[in-house]
């Protein structure tokens, strides 16, 4: 991404009409192939992660453009508050930036009310209503294995020092947690699906992972010894051995 420079030298101070000057932005065509740079030592990102990073760059660029556009509309007197730019549709926003009028009802528009957090497990009814689903079995049921394998370790919430044999227990599979996966023993989340980004990465790393574990964050506080079966979805506090395994070993 490159920004075209205007005629601004040392000591330049923006004038009152600075907001009216056009700014040219060029998005450099992405390449899947690394470019050799003298002295470069940083490793090259995998293609998928590199593409995700480029998408993030574009999104951040869009946010900056919208914020700058909102500032200009406030300076021109079109908007009372730059935060209300979110009430404009994209064609309306672009028309206003190009000098056109804002919609007549823009001052009457109101943002949608903040909705309540979604439950860990839910379905969407025919009328679009979110309906929470409750497990009919005992507490602890409902987990879904999304990456096979069985492991035991210490519950970790993802902050501070990583404990040995860390089992990350979280409410949601935030993609920002991806860098933590290589250092984990297992992964447990209250929400998510087999196609969640972290679930896909867990399978690539061979990391046992379970999603849909009811109230896992509250049931398994940090420091708890936890056993995770990524094939069956079973998550329980305690040693990795099942009751059958323990009984067989006692008979010996």
Protein backbone atom coordinates (compact mmCIF):
# COMPACT_ATOMS: atom_id res chain seq x y z
CA UNK A 1 0.00 0.00 0.00
CA UNK A 2 1.42 3.36 -0.97
CA UNK A 3 0.17 6.91 -0.54
CA UNK A 4 0.86 9.51 -3.21
CA UNK A 5 2.71 12.47 -1.74
CA UNK A 6 1.39 15.96 -2.30
CA UNK A 7 3.49 19.11 -2.53
CA UNK A 8 4.28 19.29 1.17
CA UNK A 9 7.79 20.14 2.16
CA UNK A 10 9.47 20.87 5.45
CA UNK A 11 7.56 23.34 7.58
CA UNK A 12 4.29 22.77 5.71
CA UNK A 13 1.20 23.59 7.74
CA UNK A 14 -2.25 22.44 6.60
CA UNK A 15 -4.60 25.26 5.70
CA UNK A 16 -8.31 25.51 6.55
CA UNK A 17 -9.24 23.88 3.23
CA UNK A 18 -6.85 20.97 3.68
CA UNK A 19 -9.78 18.58 4.05
CA UNK A 20 -10.92 19.41 0.53
CA UNK A 21 -7.74 18.28 -1.17
CA UNK A 22 -7.86 14.88 -2.84
CA UNK A 23 -5.62 12.12 -1.56
CA UNK A 24 -4.47 9.32 -3.84
CA UNK A 25 -3.97 5.86 -2.39
CA UNK A 26 -2.48 2.97 -4.32
CA UNK A 27 -2.87 -0.62 -3.18
CA UNK A 28 0.13 -2.56 -4.44
CA UNK A 29 -0.83 -5.79 -6.13
CA UNK A 30 -0.24 -8.66 -3.67
CA UNK A 31 2.15 -11.44 -4.57
CA UNK A 32 2.12 -15.02 -3.35
CA UNK A 33 5.84 -15.29 -3.97
CA UNK A 34 8.40 -13.82 -1.57
CA UNK A 35 10.59 -11.02 -2.83
CA UNK A 36 14.30 -11.39 -2.18
CA UNK A 37 15.64 -8.46 -0.21
CA UNK A 38 19.32 -8.05 0.67
CA UNK A 39 19.89 -8.85 4.31
CA UNK A 40 16.32 -10.07 4.89
CA UNK A 41 16.23 -12.77 7.57
CA UNK A 42 12.55 -12.88 8.58
CA UNK A 43 10.72 -16.11 7.64
CA UNK A 44 8.05 -16.00 4.95
CA UNK A 45 4.46 -16.44 6.15
CA UNK A 46 2.45 -19.42 4.86
CA UNK A 47 0.29 -18.40 1.90
CA UNK A 48 -3.01 -18.62 3.80
CA UNK A 49 -1.79 -16.53 6.72
CA UNK A 50 -0.19 -14.01 4.36
CA UNK A 51 -3.50 -13.58 2.51
CA UNK A 52 -5.36 -13.15 5.81
CA UNK A 53 -2.86 -10.47 6.79
CA UNK A 54 -3.38 -8.63 3.50
CA UNK A 55 -7.15 -8.71 3.99
CA UNK A 56 -6.63 -7.21 7.45
CA UNK A 57 -4.48 -4.45 5.94
CA UNK A 58 -7.24 -3.57 3.47
CA UNK A 59 -9.83 -3.52 6.27
CA UNK A 60 -7.67 -1.22 8.38
CA UNK A 61 -7.18 1.05 5.36
CA UNK A 62 -10.94 1.20 4.87
CA UNK A 63 -11.46 2.15 8.52
CA UNK A 64 -8.95 5.00 8.21
CA UNK A 65 -10.59 6.23 5.01
CA UNK A 66 -14.04 6.24 6.62
CA UNK A 67 -12.73 8.10 9.68
CA UNK A 68 -11.08 10.72 7.49
CA UNK A 69 -14.24 11.02 5.40
CA UNK A 70 -16.31 11.50 8.55
CA UNK A 71 -13.95 14.23 9.73
CA UNK A 72 -14.32 16.08 6.43
CA UNK A 73 -18.10 15.83 6.54
CA UNK A 74 -18.10 17.31 10.05
CA UNK A 75 -15.84 20.17 8.90
CA UNK A 76 -18.20 20.90 6.01
CA UNK A 77 -21.16 20.93 8.38
CA UNK A 78 -22.86 17.89 6.91
CA UNK A 79 -22.60 15.83 10.09
CA UNK A 80 -22.85 16.99 13.69
CA UNK A 81 -20.88 14.00 14.95
CA UNK A 82 -18.39 11.92 12.98
CA UNK A 83 -19.58 8.77 14.74
CA UNK A 84 -22.89 9.06 12.86
CA UNK A 85 -21.12 8.23 9.62
CA UNK A 86 -22.00 4.63 10.44
CA UNK A 87 -25.65 5.47 9.73
CA UNK A 88 -24.86 6.14 6.08
CA UNK A 89 -24.97 3.52 3.38
CA UNK A 90 -21.80 3.27 1.31
CA UNK A 91 -23.26 4.99 -1.83
CA UNK A 92 -24.60 7.81 0.40
CA UNK A 93 -21.19 8.18 2.03
CA UNK A 94 -19.37 8.35 -1.31
CA UNK A 95 -21.89 10.82 -2.73
CA UNK A 96 -21.41 13.12 0.26
CA UNK A 97 -17.61 12.93 -0.02
CA UNK A 98 -17.83 13.92 -3.68
CA UNK A 99 -19.76 17.06 -2.72
CA UNK A 100 -23.29 15.72 -3.01
CA UNK A 101 -26.03 16.14 -0.39
CA UNK A 102 -26.53 13.88 2.58
CA UNK A 103 -29.83 11.97 2.86
CA UNK A 104 -32.63 14.20 4.14
CA UNK A 105 -33.36 11.85 7.05
CA UNK A 106 -29.78 11.40 8.25
CA UNK A 107 -30.38 13.44 11.43
CA UNK A 108 -33.40 11.31 12.34
CA UNK A 109 -31.67 7.99 11.82
CA UNK A 110 -30.88 6.03 14.97
CA UNK A 111 -28.34 3.23 15.41
CA UNK A 112 -29.67 -0.24 16.10
CA UNK A 113 -29.82 -1.10 19.80
CA UNK A 114 -27.01 -3.25 21.13
CA UNK A 115 -28.18 -6.85 21.09
CA UNK A 116 -27.68 -9.23 23.98
CA UNK A 117 -24.71 -11.62 23.77
CA UNK A 118 -25.51 -14.82 21.90
CA UNK A 119 -25.82 -17.97 24.02
CA UNK A 120 -23.12 -20.60 23.66
CA UNK A 121 -25.52 -22.95 21.86
CA UNK A 122 -28.48 -21.65 19.88
CA UNK A 123 -30.61 -22.05 16.80
CA UNK A 124 -32.35 -19.49 14.63
CA UNK A 125 -36.13 -19.84 14.42
CA UNK A 126 -38.10 -19.36 11.21
CA UNK A 127 -38.89 -15.76 12.16
CA UNK A 128 -35.20 -15.01 12.74
CA UNK A 129 -35.39 -15.17 16.54
CA UNK A 130 -32.37 -16.62 18.34
CA UNK A 131 -33.44 -19.53 20.55
CA UNK A 132 -31.01 -20.86 23.17
CA UNK A 133 -30.55 -24.61 23.18
CA UNK A 134 -30.15 -26.33 26.51
CA UNK A 135 -28.54 -29.69 27.04
CA UNK A 136 -30.95 -32.38 28.31
CA UNK A 137 -28.11 -34.40 29.78
CA UNK A 138 -26.01 -33.84 32.91
CA UNK A 139 -23.72 -30.84 33.21
CA UNK A 140 -20.63 -31.44 31.11
CA UNK A 141 -22.44 -33.00 28.15
CA UNK A 142 -22.66 -31.28 24.80
CA UNK A 143 -18.96 -30.97 23.90
CA UNK A 144 -18.06 -31.71 20.30
CA UNK A 145 -14.68 -33.06 19.32
CA UNK A 146 -13.24 -31.22 16.34
CA UNK A 147 -9.62 -32.42 16.43
CA UNK A 148 -8.82 -35.98 17.48
CA UNK A 149 -6.47 -37.06 20.22
CA UNK A 150 -6.48 -37.35 23.98
CA UNK A 151 -4.46 -35.21 26.37
CA UNK A 152 -4.33 -33.98 29.94
CA UNK A 153 -2.90 -30.76 31.28
CA UNK A 154 -3.39 -27.62 33.32
CA UNK A 155 -6.18 -25.17 32.46
CA UNK A 156 -4.94 -21.82 31.16
CA UNK A 157 -7.09 -18.83 30.16
CA UNK A 158 -4.57 -17.41 27.67
CA UNK A 159 -2.97 -14.60 29.68
CA UNK A 160 0.31 -14.41 31.55
CA UNK A 161 2.91 -17.17 31.56
CA UNK A 162 1.96 -20.38 29.78
CA UNK A 163 1.97 -23.30 32.26
CA UNK A 164 3.50 -26.67 31.36
CA UNK A 165 1.01 -28.89 29.48
CA UNK A 166 -1.34 -25.93 29.04
CA UNK A 167 -4.96 -26.63 28.09
CA UNK A 168 -6.44 -23.39 26.77
CA UNK A 169 -10.06 -22.97 27.92
CA UNK A 170 -11.94 -20.04 26.39
CA UNK A 171 -15.46 -18.94 25.59
CA UNK A 172 -14.92 -18.17 21.91
CA UNK A 173 -12.39 -19.29 19.31
CA UNK A 174 -10.87 -15.89 18.67
CA UNK A 175 -8.54 -16.09 15.62
CA UNK A 176 -6.11 -13.85 17.54
CA UNK A 177 -5.33 -16.89 19.72
CA UNK A 178 -3.78 -18.76 16.78
CA UNK A 179 -0.14 -17.97 17.76
CA UNK A 180 -0.71 -19.78 21.09
CA UNK A 181 -1.63 -23.14 19.55
CA UNK A 182 1.90 -24.55 19.05
CA UNK A 183 2.56 -24.31 22.81
CA UNK A 184 -0.68 -26.00 23.93
CA UNK A 185 -1.55 -29.53 24.98
CA UNK A 186 -5.27 -29.18 24.14
CA UNK A 187 -7.95 -26.61 23.35
CA UNK A 188 -11.48 -26.27 24.79
CA UNK A 189 -14.08 -23.65 23.86
CA UNK A 190 -17.68 -23.00 24.84
CA UNK A 191 -18.57 -21.99 21.27
CA UNK A 192 -17.27 -22.70 17.79
CA UNK A 193 -17.57 -25.30 15.07
CA UNK A 194 -15.36 -27.72 13.12
CA UNK A 195 -14.85 -25.00 10.50
CA UNK A 196 -13.73 -22.31 12.96
CA UNK A 197 -10.27 -21.03 12.06
CA UNK A 198 -8.72 -22.27 15.31
CA UNK A 199 -10.37 -25.68 14.93
CA UNK A 200 -8.84 -26.04 11.48
CA UNK A 201 -5.42 -25.04 12.79
CA UNK A 202 -5.77 -27.45 15.73
CA UNK A 203 -6.22 -30.33 13.29
CA UNK A 204 -3.15 -29.22 11.36
CA UNK A 205 -1.11 -29.17 14.58
CA UNK A 206 -2.56 -32.49 15.77
CA UNK A 207 -3.89 -30.71 18.86
CA UNK A 208 -6.90 -32.26 20.65
CA UNK A 209 -9.74 -29.74 20.55
CA UNK A 210 -13.34 -29.62 21.76
CA UNK A 211 -15.99 -26.96 21.08
CA UNK A 212 -19.44 -26.47 22.59
CA UNK A 213 -18.24 -27.42 26.08
CA UNK A 214 -21.05 -26.11 28.30
CA UNK A 215 -19.95 -23.41 30.76
CA UNK A 216 -16.34 -24.61 30.45
CA UNK A 217 -14.80 -21.29 31.54
CA UNK A 218 -16.66 -21.37 34.87
CA UNK A 219 -16.47 -25.13 35.43
CA UNK A 220 -12.73 -25.36 34.79
CA UNK A 221 -10.91 -22.38 36.36
CA UNK A 222 -7.20 -21.78 35.67
CA UNK A 223 -4.96 -24.31 37.40
CA UNK A 224 -7.45 -27.19 37.15
CA UNK A 225 -6.10 -30.53 35.95
CA UNK A 226 -8.15 -31.32 32.84
CA UNK A 227 -8.54 -34.25 30.46
CA UNK A 228 -9.63 -33.56 26.88
CA UNK A 229 -10.73 -36.14 24.30
CA UNK A 230 -10.81 -34.46 20.90
CA UNK A 231 -12.49 -37.46 19.29
CA UNK A 232 -15.50 -37.90 21.57
CA UNK A 233 -15.77 -34.33 22.86
CA UNK A 234 -15.41 -35.47 26.46
CA UNK A 235 -13.92 -32.86 28.81
CA UNK A 236 -13.50 -33.62 32.49
CA UNK A 237 -11.46 -32.55 35.47
CA UNK A 238 -8.87 -35.04 36.67
CA UNK A 239 -6.40 -37.54 35.33
CA UNK A 240 -6.30 -38.70 31.74
CA UNK A 241 -7.29 -42.27 32.57
CA UNK A 242 -10.93 -43.25 32.18
CA UNK A 243 -12.72 -45.29 34.80
CA UNK A 244 -12.34 -48.48 32.71
CA UNK A 245 -8.62 -47.88 32.26
CA UNK A 246 -8.15 -47.27 36.00
CA UNK A 247 -10.10 -50.43 36.87
CA UNK A 248 -8.06 -52.56 34.48
CA UNK A 249 -4.82 -51.19 35.92
CA UNK A 250 -6.00 -51.87 39.50
CA UNK A 251 -6.75 -55.51 38.61
CA UNK A 252 -3.17 -55.93 37.54
